[in-house]
Protein backbone atom coordinates (compact mmCIF):
# COMPACT_ATOMS: atom_id res chain seq x y z
CA UNK A 1 29.43 -56.53 13.54
CA UNK A 2 30.31 -55.59 9.98
CA UNK A 3 27.04 -57.09 8.76
CA UNK A 4 25.07 -55.01 11.34
CA UNK A 5 26.90 -51.80 10.30
CA UNK A 6 26.18 -52.51 6.63
CA UNK A 7 22.45 -53.03 7.35
CA UNK A 8 22.28 -49.72 9.30
CA UNK A 9 24.00 -47.80 6.48
CA UNK A 10 21.62 -49.33 3.92
CA UNK A 11 18.63 -48.37 6.08
CA UNK A 12 19.79 -44.74 6.40
CA UNK A 13 20.41 -44.51 2.65
CA UNK A 14 16.95 -45.95 1.96
CA UNK A 15 15.23 -43.47 4.33
CA UNK A 16 17.14 -40.56 2.76
CA UNK A 17 16.10 -41.62 -0.70
CA UNK A 18 12.44 -41.95 0.34
CA UNK A 19 12.52 -38.44 1.91
CA UNK A 20 13.93 -36.87 -1.23
CA UNK A 21 11.28 -38.54 -3.34
CA UNK A 22 8.52 -37.42 -1.00
CA UNK A 23 9.81 -33.81 -0.99
CA UNK A 24 9.96 -33.74 -4.79
CA UNK A 25 6.42 -35.11 -4.99
CA UNK A 26 5.06 -32.56 -2.49
CA UNK A 27 6.84 -29.64 -4.12
CA UNK A 28 5.55 -30.68 -7.56
CA UNK A 29 2.00 -30.84 -6.20
CA UNK A 30 2.34 -27.41 -4.56
CA UNK A 31 3.57 -25.96 -7.86
CA UNK A 32 0.53 -27.38 -9.62
CA UNK A 33 -1.76 -25.55 -7.18
CA UNK A 34 0.24 -22.39 -7.81
CA UNK A 35 -0.41 -22.82 -11.56
CA UNK A 36 -4.13 -23.13 -10.82
CA UNK A 37 -3.94 -19.94 -8.79
CA UNK A 38 -2.25 -18.01 -11.61
CA UNK A 39 -4.70 -19.28 -14.25
CA UNK A 40 -7.79 -18.57 -12.17
CA UNK A 41 -8.78 -22.19 -11.54
CA UNK A 42 -10.39 -22.83 -8.12
CA UNK A 43 -8.80 -24.62 -5.18
CA UNK A 44 -9.79 -24.91 -1.53
CA UNK A 45 -8.26 -24.51 1.94
CA UNK A 46 -8.26 -28.30 2.36
CA UNK A 47 -6.23 -28.62 -0.87
CA UNK A 48 -3.41 -26.45 0.55
CA UNK A 49 -3.33 -27.26 4.28
CA UNK A 50 -1.37 -30.57 3.89
CA UNK A 51 1.44 -28.69 2.14
CA UNK A 52 1.59 -26.07 4.90
CA UNK A 53 1.97 -28.83 7.51
CA UNK A 54 4.53 -30.73 5.47
CA UNK A 55 6.80 -27.82 4.49
CA UNK A 56 6.70 -26.39 7.98
CA UNK A 57 8.99 -29.26 8.99
CA UNK A 58 10.62 -30.34 5.75
CA UNK A 59 10.76 -27.41 3.35
CA UNK A 60 12.88 -24.37 2.65
CA UNK A 61 11.82 -20.76 3.46
CA UNK A 62 10.71 -20.43 -0.18
CA UNK A 63 8.50 -23.56 0.17
CA UNK A 64 6.83 -22.23 3.31
CA UNK A 65 6.40 -18.77 1.79
CA UNK A 66 4.55 -20.20 -1.20
CA UNK A 67 2.45 -22.61 0.87
CA UNK A 68 1.18 -19.92 3.26
CA UNK A 69 0.57 -17.55 0.33
CA UNK A 70 -1.63 -20.12 -1.44
CA UNK A 71 -3.47 -20.88 1.80
CA UNK A 72 -4.18 -17.16 2.14
CA UNK A 73 -5.48 -17.06 -1.44
CA UNK A 74 -7.81 -20.00 -0.68
CA UNK A 75 -9.22 -18.25 2.41
CA UNK A 76 -9.69 -15.03 0.45
CA UNK A 77 -11.66 -16.82 -2.27
CA UNK A 78 -13.93 -18.20 0.48
CA UNK A 79 -14.62 -14.63 1.67
CA UNK A 80 -12.64 -15.02 4.91
CA UNK A 81 -10.42 -11.94 4.74
CA UNK A 82 -9.07 -12.03 8.34
CA UNK A 83 -7.86 -15.63 7.99
CA UNK A 84 -6.37 -14.75 4.62
CA UNK A 85 -4.54 -11.78 6.10
CA UNK A 86 -3.14 -13.94 8.92
CA UNK A 87 -1.78 -16.45 6.37
CA UNK A 88 -0.06 -13.62 4.51
CA UNK A 89 1.59 -12.45 7.75
CA UNK A 90 2.75 -16.04 8.30
CA UNK A 91 4.13 -16.11 4.75
CA UNK A 92 6.13 -12.92 5.37
CA UNK A 93 7.55 -14.42 8.56
CA UNK A 94 8.76 -17.40 6.52
CA UNK A 95 10.68 -15.29 4.01
CA UNK A 96 14.43 -15.17 4.67
CA UNK A 97 15.31 -11.71 3.38
CA UNK A 98 18.91 -12.12 4.57
CA UNK A 99 19.46 -14.95 2.08
CA UNK A 100 20.72 -14.35 -1.44
CA UNK A 101 18.08 -16.74 -2.84
CA UNK A 102 15.11 -15.08 -1.14
CA UNK A 103 12.04 -15.27 -3.42
CA UNK A 104 11.34 -11.52 -3.59
CA UNK A 105 8.99 -11.93 -6.54
CA UNK A 106 6.72 -14.17 -4.48
CA UNK A 107 7.04 -11.86 -1.49
CA UNK A 108 5.85 -9.01 -3.72
CA UNK A 109 2.69 -10.97 -4.53
CA UNK A 110 2.02 -11.49 -0.81
CA UNK A 111 2.26 -7.76 -0.10
CA UNK A 112 0.08 -6.99 -3.11
CA UNK A 113 -2.68 -9.34 -1.91
CA UNK A 114 -2.52 -7.80 1.57
CA UNK A 115 -2.92 -4.34 0.01
CA UNK A 116 -6.07 -5.52 -1.80
CA UNK A 117 -7.62 -6.70 1.49
CA UNK A 118 -6.88 -3.39 3.19
CA UNK A 119 -8.44 -1.50 0.26
CA UNK A 120 -11.56 -3.69 0.54
CA UNK A 121 -11.87 -2.62 4.18
CA UNK A 122 -11.37 1.07 3.35
CA UNK A 123 -7.95 1.14 5.08
CA UNK A 124 -6.24 3.06 2.30
CA UNK A 125 -3.10 4.08 4.21
CA UNK A 126 -2.40 0.46 5.16
CA UNK A 127 -3.07 -0.51 1.55
CA UNK A 128 -0.64 2.15 0.32
CA UNK A 129 2.05 0.93 2.72
CA UNK A 130 1.76 -2.67 1.50
CA UNK A 131 1.73 -1.61 -2.16
CA UNK A 132 4.98 0.24 -1.49
CA UNK A 133 6.43 -2.94 0.04
CA UNK A 134 5.16 -4.93 -2.95
CA UNK A 135 6.85 -2.50 -5.37
CA UNK A 136 10.14 -2.66 -3.46
CA UNK A 137 10.11 -6.47 -3.33
CA UNK A 138 9.26 -6.79 -7.03
CA UNK A 139 12.22 -4.60 -8.00
CA UNK A 140 14.49 -6.75 -5.79
CA UNK A 141 13.08 -9.88 -7.43
CA UNK A 142 13.69 -8.55 -10.92
CA UNK A 143 9.98 -8.61 -11.85
CA UNK A 144 9.74 -5.30 -13.73
CA UNK A 145 6.10 -5.57 -14.80
CA UNK A 146 4.93 -6.52 -11.29
CA UNK A 147 6.92 -3.61 -9.83
CA UNK A 148 5.31 -1.12 -12.21
CA UNK A 149 1.83 -2.47 -11.54
CA UNK A 150 2.35 -2.17 -7.79
CA UNK A 151 3.65 1.36 -8.27
CA UNK A 152 0.51 2.13 -10.30
CA UNK A 153 -1.58 0.85 -7.39
CA UNK A 154 0.26 3.30 -5.12
CA UNK A 155 -1.07 6.09 -7.32
CA UNK A 156 -4.62 4.73 -7.04
CA UNK A 157 -4.21 4.67 -3.25
CA UNK A 158 -3.29 8.37 -3.26
CA UNK A 159 -6.50 9.00 -5.20
CA UNK A 160 -8.54 7.14 -2.59
CA UNK A 161 -6.88 9.25 0.12
CA UNK A 162 -7.88 12.45 -1.69
CA UNK A 163 -4.25 13.37 -2.49
CA UNK A 164 -4.90 14.22 -6.12
CA UNK A 165 -1.55 15.89 -6.84
CA UNK A 166 0.36 12.79 -5.68
CA UNK A 167 -2.03 10.59 -7.66
CA UNK A 168 -1.36 12.46 -10.92
CA UNK A 169 2.41 12.62 -10.36
CA UNK A 170 2.73 8.88 -9.63
CA UNK A 171 0.58 7.81 -12.60
CA UNK A 172 2.53 10.00 -15.01
CA UNK A 173 5.79 8.58 -13.67
CA UNK A 174 4.64 4.98 -13.93
CA UNK A 175 3.30 5.57 -17.46
CA UNK A 176 6.71 6.87 -18.51
CA UNK A 177 8.38 3.79 -17.00
CA UNK A 178 5.89 1.51 -18.77
CA UNK A 179 6.90 3.15 -22.06
CA UNK A 180 10.60 2.84 -21.30
CA UNK A 181 10.25 -0.84 -20.43
CA UNK A 182 8.24 -1.70 -23.55
CA UNK A 183 4.66 -1.75 -22.20
CA UNK A 184 2.82 0.95 -24.22
CA UNK A 185 -0.68 -0.49 -23.67
CA UNK A 186 -0.20 -0.53 -19.90
CA UNK A 187 1.01 3.08 -20.10
CA UNK A 188 -2.11 4.07 -22.05
CA UNK A 189 -4.46 2.40 -19.55
CA UNK A 190 -2.63 3.96 -16.58
CA UNK A 191 -2.93 7.47 -18.02
CA UNK A 192 -6.66 6.94 -18.51
CA UNK A 193 -7.11 6.71 -14.72
CA UNK A 194 -6.19 10.40 -14.23
CA UNK A 195 -8.46 11.84 -16.93
CA UNK A 196 -11.13 12.84 -14.40
CA UNK A 197 -8.58 14.51 -12.12
CA UNK A 198 -7.08 16.46 -15.03
CA UNK A 199 -10.54 17.75 -15.99
CA UNK A 200 -11.14 18.88 -12.40
CA UNK A 201 -7.77 20.67 -12.46
CA UNK A 202 -8.57 22.42 -15.74
CA UNK A 203 -5.85 20.56 -17.71
CA UNK A 204 -8.20 19.96 -20.64
CA UNK A 205 -5.52 19.59 -23.34
CA UNK A 206 -3.81 16.69 -21.53
CA UNK A 207 -7.17 15.13 -20.68
CA UNK A 208 -8.17 15.17 -24.37
CA UNK A 209 -4.82 13.75 -25.43
CA UNK A 210 -5.10 10.87 -22.95
CA UNK A 211 -8.71 10.18 -24.02
CA UNK A 212 -7.74 9.98 -27.67
CA UNK A 213 -4.87 7.67 -26.86
CA UNK A 214 -7.05 5.47 -24.63
CA UNK A 215 -9.68 5.07 -27.34
CA UNK A 216 -7.16 4.21 -30.06
CA UNK A 217 -4.52 2.15 -28.22
CA UNK A 218 -6.04 0.46 -25.15
CA UNK A 219 -7.90 -2.29 -27.04
CA UNK A 220 -10.98 -1.70 -24.91
CA UNK A 221 -13.20 -0.21 -27.65
CA UNK A 222 -15.00 -1.87 -30.53
CA UNK A 223 -15.01 -0.62 -34.14
CA UNK A 224 -18.01 1.64 -33.39
CA UNK A 225 -16.21 3.41 -30.55
CA UNK A 226 -18.10 1.66 -27.72
CA UNK A 227 -16.10 0.74 -24.63
CA UNK A 228 -16.24 -2.84 -23.38
CA UNK A 229 -19.00 -3.74 -20.92
CA UNK A 230 -18.40 -2.78 -17.31
CA UNK A 231 -16.29 0.31 -18.11
CA UNK A 232 -19.10 2.73 -19.09
CA UNK A 233 -17.99 5.23 -16.42
CA UNK A 234 -15.53 6.43 -19.07
CA UNK A 235 -18.45 8.11 -20.86
CA UNK A 236 -18.93 10.27 -17.77
CA UNK A 237 -15.33 11.50 -17.97
CA UNK A 238 -15.86 12.36 -21.63
CA UNK A 239 -19.13 14.12 -20.84
CA UNK A 240 -17.44 16.12 -18.08
CA UNK A 241 -14.70 17.12 -20.49
CA UNK A 242 -17.16 18.53 -23.02
CA UNK A 243 -19.20 20.15 -20.25
CA UNK A 244 -16.12 21.99 -18.97
CA UNK A 245 -15.19 23.28 -22.43
CA UNK A 246 -18.84 24.28 -23.06
CA UNK A 247 -19.61 21.86 -25.89
CA UNK A 248 -23.03 21.11 -24.45
CA UNK A 249 -24.48 18.86 -27.16
CA UNK A 250 -21.50 16.46 -26.93
CA UNK A 251 -21.65 16.52 -23.14
CA UNK A 252 -25.34 15.63 -23.22
CA UNK A 253 -24.67 12.82 -25.72
CA UNK A 254 -22.10 11.08 -23.49
CA UNK A 255 -24.08 11.51 -20.25
CA UNK A 256 -27.11 9.96 -21.93
CA UNK A 257 -24.92 7.21 -23.46
CA UNK A 258 -23.66 6.36 -19.98
CA UNK A 259 -27.22 6.09 -18.65
CA UNK A 260 -28.26 3.98 -21.66
CA UNK A 261 -25.31 1.57 -21.70
CA UNK A 262 -24.27 1.51 -18.03
CA UNK A 263 -27.16 -0.22 -16.29
CA UNK A 264 -25.66 -0.33 -12.80
CA UNK A 265 -26.59 2.20 -10.12
CA UNK A 266 -23.16 3.85 -10.18
CA UNK A 267 -23.39 4.78 -13.86
CA UNK A 268 -27.04 5.78 -13.53
CA UNK A 269 -26.12 8.13 -10.68
CA UNK A 270 -23.07 9.62 -12.40
CA UNK A 271 -24.86 10.13 -15.73
CA UNK A 272 -27.89 11.78 -14.09
CA UNK A 273 -25.64 14.00 -12.02
CA UNK A 274 -23.85 15.12 -15.19
CA UNK A 275 -27.16 15.93 -16.91
CA UNK A 276 -28.37 17.87 -13.85
CA UNK A 277 -25.22 19.99 -13.94
CA UNK A 278 -25.57 20.51 -17.70
CA UNK A 279 -29.21 21.66 -17.48
CA UNK A 280 -28.34 23.90 -14.56
CA UNK A 281 -25.82 25.69 -16.78
CA UNK A 282 -28.42 25.89 -19.55
CA UNK A 283 -30.90 27.43 -17.07
CA UNK A 284 -33.53 24.74 -17.56
CA UNK A 285 -34.89 24.33 -14.00
CA UNK A 286 -37.40 21.55 -14.72
CA UNK A 287 -34.76 19.29 -16.26
CA UNK A 288 -32.26 20.26 -13.54
CA UNK A 289 -34.71 19.26 -10.81
CA UNK A 290 -35.66 16.05 -12.64
CA UNK A 291 -32.12 14.75 -13.03
CA UNK A 292 -30.99 16.01 -9.62
CA UNK A 293 -33.75 13.98 -8.00
CA UNK A 294 -32.94 10.92 -10.12
CA UNK A 295 -29.22 11.23 -9.30
CA UNK A 296 -29.88 11.24 -5.57
CA UNK A 297 -32.30 8.33 -5.83
CA UNK A 298 -29.56 6.36 -7.60
CA UNK A 299 -27.05 7.52 -4.99
CA UNK A 300 -29.31 6.07 -2.29
CA UNK A 301 -29.24 2.75 -4.16
CA UNK A 302 -25.45 2.88 -4.44
CA UNK A 303 -25.25 3.61 -0.72
CA UNK A 304 -27.56 0.69 0.09
CA UNK A 305 -25.41 -1.70 -1.98
CA UNK A 306 -22.26 -0.38 -0.30
CA UNK A 307 -23.80 -0.90 3.14
CA UNK A 308 -24.77 -4.47 2.19
CA UNK A 309 -21.21 -5.18 1.08
CA UNK A 310 -19.90 -3.66 4.30
CA UNK A 311 -22.17 -5.93 6.32
CA UNK A 312 -20.87 -8.94 4.40
CA UNK A 313 -17.29 -7.92 5.13
CA UNK A 314 -18.02 -7.47 8.84
CA UNK A 315 -19.87 -10.79 8.91
CA UNK A 316 -16.79 -12.48 7.48
CA UNK A 317 -14.72 -11.04 10.34
CA UNK A 318 -16.99 -12.54 12.97
CA UNK A 319 -17.76 -15.84 11.24
CA UNK A 320 -15.13 -18.01 12.92
CA UNK A 321 -17.27 -20.88 14.21
CA UNK A 322 -16.40 -23.11 11.29
CA UNK A 323 -12.71 -22.32 11.49
CA UNK A 324 -11.90 -22.44 15.21
CA UNK A 325 -9.70 -25.48 14.80
CA UNK A 326 -7.75 -23.83 11.98
CA UNK A 327 -7.34 -20.57 13.87
CA UNK A 328 -5.29 -22.35 16.55
CA UNK A 329 -3.12 -24.45 14.26
CA UNK A 330 0.03 -22.71 15.59
CA UNK A 331 -0.27 -22.12 19.32
CA UNK A 332 2.99 -20.16 19.52
CA UNK A 333 1.44 -17.47 17.26
CA UNK A 334 -1.89 -17.23 19.06
CA UNK A 335 -1.14 -14.11 21.11
CA UNK A 336 0.15 -12.12 18.11
CA UNK A 337 -2.77 -13.25 15.94
CA UNK A 338 -5.36 -12.22 18.53
CA UNK A 339 -3.84 -8.77 18.88
CA UNK A 340 -3.89 -8.26 15.11
CA UNK A 341 -7.50 -9.45 14.92
CA UNK A 342 -8.57 -7.14 17.76
CA UNK A 343 -7.01 -4.14 16.01
CA UNK A 344 -8.78 -5.09 12.75
CA UNK A 345 -12.14 -5.39 14.52
CA UNK A 346 -11.76 -2.04 16.25
CA UNK A 347 -10.83 -0.32 12.99
CA UNK A 348 -13.80 -1.87 11.16
CA UNK A 349 -16.13 -0.86 14.01
CA UNK A 350 -14.88 2.73 13.82
CA UNK A 351 -15.40 2.74 10.03
CA UNK A 352 -18.97 1.45 10.48
CA UNK A 353 -19.83 4.13 13.06
CA UNK A 354 -18.31 6.85 10.89
CA UNK A 355 -20.22 5.61 7.83
CA UNK A 356 -23.52 5.72 9.77
CA UNK A 357 -22.86 9.27 10.96
CA UNK A 358 -21.96 10.43 7.44
CA UNK A 359 -25.16 8.85 6.11
CA UNK A 360 -27.30 10.86 8.57
CA UNK A 361 -25.52 14.10 7.71
CA UNK A 362 -25.87 13.35 3.99
CA UNK A 363 -29.65 12.88 4.35
CA UNK A 364 -29.93 16.32 5.94
CA UNK A 365 -27.95 17.82 3.07
CA UNK A 366 -30.23 16.17 0.52
CA UNK A 367 -33.28 17.74 2.20
CA UNK A 368 -31.61 21.16 2.01
CA UNK A 369 -30.67 20.57 -1.63
CA UNK A 370 -34.23 19.55 -2.59
CA UNK A 371 -35.60 22.70 -0.93
CA UNK A 372 -33.06 24.77 -2.83
CA UNK A 373 -33.96 23.12 -6.16
CA UNK A 374 -37.66 23.77 -5.50
CA UNK A 375 -37.09 27.43 -4.61
CA UNK A 376 -34.81 27.89 -7.62
CA UNK A 377 -37.46 26.50 -9.97
CA UNK A 378 -40.17 28.67 -8.42
CA UNK A 379 -38.15 31.89 -8.71
CA UNK A 380 -37.05 31.19 -12.28
CA UNK A 381 -40.68 30.54 -13.27
CA UNK A 382 -41.70 33.79 -11.57
CA UNK A 383 -38.94 35.64 -13.45
CA UNK A 384 -40.28 34.37 -16.77
CA UNK A 385 -43.67 35.87 -15.97
CA UNK A 386 -42.18 39.16 -14.80
CA UNK A 387 -40.16 39.56 -18.00
CA UNK A 388 -43.41 39.84 -19.91
CA UNK A 389 -43.79 43.33 -18.46
CA UNK A 390 -40.17 44.50 -18.11
CA UNK A 391 -40.90 48.14 -17.35
CA UNK A 392 -43.29 47.49 -14.48
CA UNK A 393 -41.33 44.70 -12.85
CA UNK A 394 -37.69 45.68 -13.44
CA UNK A 395 -36.77 45.89 -9.76
CA UNK A 396 -38.41 42.55 -8.90
CA UNK A 397 -36.68 40.90 -11.88
CA UNK A 398 -33.26 42.14 -10.72
CA UNK A 399 -33.92 40.86 -7.18
CA UNK A 400 -34.97 37.48 -8.58
CA UNK A 401 -31.88 37.24 -10.80
CA UNK A 402 -29.68 37.94 -7.79
CA UNK A 403 -31.47 35.29 -5.72
CA UNK A 404 -31.21 32.77 -8.58
CA UNK A 405 -27.41 33.17 -8.66
CA UNK A 406 -27.25 32.69 -4.88
CA UNK A 407 -29.40 29.55 -5.07
CA UNK A 408 -27.34 28.09 -7.94
CA UNK A 409 -24.17 28.59 -5.92
CA UNK A 410 -25.79 26.99 -2.88
CA UNK A 411 -27.04 24.08 -5.04
CA UNK A 412 -23.52 23.47 -6.30
CA UNK A 413 -22.09 23.57 -2.78
CA UNK A 414 -24.66 21.16 -1.36
CA UNK A 415 -24.30 18.84 -4.34
CA UNK A 416 -20.53 18.78 -3.95
CA UNK A 417 -20.80 17.95 -0.24
CA UNK A 418 -23.32 15.17 -0.82
CA UNK A 419 -21.26 13.58 -3.57
CA UNK A 420 -17.77 13.87 -2.09
CA UNK A 421 -18.64 13.83 1.63
CA UNK A 422 -17.72 15.79 4.76
CA UNK A 423 -14.34 14.12 5.17
CA UNK A 424 -13.18 15.29 1.72
CA UNK A 425 -14.38 18.82 2.54
CA UNK A 426 -12.14 18.84 5.61
CA UNK A 427 -9.21 17.41 3.64
CA UNK A 428 -9.62 19.90 0.81
CA UNK A 429 -9.75 22.78 3.33
CA UNK A 430 -6.38 21.76 4.77
CA UNK A 431 -4.87 21.72 1.25
CA UNK A 432 -6.31 25.13 0.31
CA UNK A 433 -3.61 27.81 -0.25
CA UNK A 434 -5.91 30.47 1.25
CA UNK A 435 -6.38 28.39 4.38
CA UNK A 436 -2.64 27.88 4.71
CA UNK A 437 -2.15 31.66 4.45
CA UNK A 438 -4.64 32.29 7.28
CA UNK A 439 -2.92 29.55 9.33
CA UNK A 440 0.41 31.34 8.84
CA UNK A 441 -1.09 34.60 10.15
CA UNK A 442 -2.42 32.72 13.20
CA UNK A 443 0.93 31.03 13.81
CA UNK A 444 2.72 34.39 13.83
CA UNK A 445 0.13 35.94 16.13
CA UNK A 446 -0.73 38.75 13.70
CA UNK A 447 -3.99 40.63 13.24
CA UNK A 448 -6.28 39.81 10.30
CA UNK A 449 -6.82 42.58 7.76
CA UNK A 450 -10.19 43.20 6.11
CA UNK A 451 -9.09 41.25 3.04
CA UNK A 452 -8.09 38.33 5.29
CA UNK A 453 -11.52 38.35 6.96
CA UNK A 454 -13.10 38.19 3.53
CA UNK A 455 -10.97 35.09 2.78
CA UNK A 456 -12.17 33.51 6.06
CA UNK A 457 -15.75 34.25 5.02
CA UNK A 458 -15.18 32.62 1.60
CA UNK A 459 -13.50 29.53 3.06
CA UNK A 460 -16.46 28.70 5.31
CA UNK A 461 -18.86 29.50 2.46
CA UNK A 462 -17.02 27.15 0.08
CA UNK A 463 -16.18 24.17 2.29
CA UNK A 464 -18.99 24.25 4.92
CA UNK A 465 -22.05 25.80 3.23
CA UNK A 466 -24.45 24.43 5.85
CA UNK A 467 -22.54 26.16 8.66
CA UNK A 468 -22.23 29.31 6.55
CA UNK A 469 -25.99 29.51 5.92
CA UNK A 470 -26.73 28.89 9.60
CA UNK A 471 -24.41 31.70 10.77
CA UNK A 472 -25.63 34.16 8.12
CA UNK A 473 -29.24 33.67 9.19
CA UNK A 474 -28.60 33.74 12.95
CA UNK A 475 -25.84 36.35 13.42
CA UNK A 476 -25.15 39.79 11.99
CA UNK A 477 -22.50 39.49 9.29
CA UNK A 478 -20.44 42.43 10.63
CA UNK A 479 -20.57 41.33 14.28
CA UNK A 480 -17.67 40.00 16.29
CA UNK A 481 -19.77 36.91 17.17
CA UNK A 482 -19.99 36.11 13.46
CA UNK A 483 -16.23 36.55 12.91
CA UNK A 484 -15.33 34.43 15.94
CA UNK A 485 -17.76 31.67 14.85
CA UNK A 486 -16.23 31.56 11.36
CA UNK A 487 -12.72 31.22 12.79
CA UNK A 488 -13.81 28.52 15.24
CA UNK A 489 -15.37 26.52 12.37
CA UNK A 490 -12.00 26.71 10.60
CA UNK A 491 -10.44 25.03 13.68
CA UNK A 492 -8.57 28.05 15.09
CA UNK A 493 -8.18 28.14 18.89
CA UNK A 494 -9.44 30.90 21.19
CA UNK A 495 -5.91 32.22 21.87
CA UNK A 496 -5.16 32.43 18.16
CA UNK A 497 -8.46 34.17 17.46
CA UNK A 498 -7.70 36.79 20.14
CA UNK A 499 -4.50 37.74 18.29
CA UNK A 500 -6.19 37.59 14.89
CA UNK A 501 -8.91 40.04 15.99
CA UNK A 502 -6.59 42.11 18.23
CA UNK A 503 -8.62 41.52 21.41
CA UNK A 504 -7.92 39.85 24.76
CA UNK A 505 -8.49 36.13 25.45
CA UNK A 506 -11.05 36.88 28.24
CA UNK A 507 -13.05 38.92 25.71
CA UNK A 508 -13.07 35.94 23.33
CA UNK A 509 -14.23 33.64 26.15
CA UNK A 510 -17.10 35.97 27.07
CA UNK A 511 -18.26 36.36 23.45
CA UNK A 512 -18.08 32.59 22.88
CA UNK A 513 -20.21 31.97 25.97
CA UNK A 514 -22.82 34.49 24.78
CA UNK A 515 -22.77 33.10 21.24
CA UNK A 516 -23.21 29.53 22.54
CA UNK A 517 -26.32 30.65 24.42
CA UNK A 518 -27.67 32.54 21.40
CA UNK A 519 -27.08 29.81 18.80
CA UNK A 520 -27.61 26.55 20.72
CA UNK A 521 -29.58 27.64 23.83
CA UNK A 522 -27.05 26.23 26.27
CA UNK A 523 -23.98 27.29 28.16
CA UNK A 524 -20.49 26.42 27.06
CA UNK A 525 -16.89 27.51 26.46
CA UNK A 526 -15.12 28.30 23.20
CA UNK A 527 -14.15 24.62 22.85
CA UNK A 528 -17.77 23.51 23.19
CA UNK A 529 -18.91 26.17 20.73
CA UNK A 530 -16.28 24.97 18.24
CA UNK A 531 -17.47 21.37 18.73
CA UNK A 532 -21.09 22.33 17.97
CA UNK A 533 -20.12 24.36 14.91
CA UNK A 534 -17.98 21.48 13.58
CA UNK A 535 -21.16 19.38 13.29
CA UNK A 536 -22.49 21.83 10.70
CA UNK A 537 -21.15 21.15 7.20
């Protein structure tokens, strides 16, 4: 009996020793793959899957967190974003945030990679949320540099969402923290990302200061002052700076330098667009038309490349034939995974449909812009001829000058819409102080004064020039139909408009019905009229 007990104890001790050795070997191998990941060396899904299976039964929460994270990285490198995202969700589920030894630094990396995937899909709010989680986890894990980099990415997300004020505030805050923590180069590079926004806001002194610092301290310029390859878009920011402070020769130099050094379609488009704006200010219609046309040809190429990339992303979502066995590796998670995938597919489908609609609208705007450029060039040429006999043609010259100013304003409006898009126009309208003031009048049920009506007129003219032109040419500018149509395009409801114009709701309904018939040759209510007008940007 004693001999049997001794043999059993020896067997248990031997098994325990073998298990410890095996665990140490597997953990060491997993760490070596993690080193490859951090140094940019390739590894595959098949390299990582054995560790996921092993640590699922034998490892700690930290082991499983790392294994699923590396599996997600492998899927991402293969272009399979949905599978990668699912692995990251699994990694998060493995993290024991109630434990004092939770690996928050690793958890931060998981959230950061998830944010990158959402940005790739154009889901900027989801990306922002996961960058915020990455920042929070990095601070908890004591990884200061990772926390600041994630916080910087939050600022970039605000830029992608069109929230420029938040973008500038966050980048300035993170640059200050970089400085305080001993990372001056990172602070310099972060500040460079807001140079364009500062120029748009008229903060030229800060923009110049950040440019000088970027060129002298970032390490991204050679001894001749040329930025490293792939970052030539910086020349566009510098050209825009000089254009805004009216140093035209320097502006032209940097726009042309961007076109010369930046061979990709994006730089070609941006540089040509800058030159078109410059020649427009210099009143050189031939050059303006030339570079406007080239800019929009390059923009078409950029759009085509973007569409191709979008198709590749969507293809990756649907390409599951090769991975069906992997997709069902954990049957208890199948229902949750399918729901997440369905939501992702629906969101991507909506993005694709919206992109197609915006492309059609953009093409119509380009046609209008080209007509405007042609008319502008014709009238300016005619004005040159008329100036040869000033006394006989004074009245015609004055009329032409007035029309030229109108066409230049229209050109700028159409160009802005084509470049930034209809969605940004709507977002910028909501942020406009003038629009908020008109909204406040509507909320209180007050009547609009003449000065308020002029603001309404200017808002539609600025943010929806296509709708403005359509209404000006089809309705009398002092008519109630015109005023109601402007207010409907600014998203005010019929009841609000009745108060704003000091009339009854039935009167608004009748006018809307008549206006619908006059403008679109069909019957409809105020809601249907507002829907038709909203299509005009």
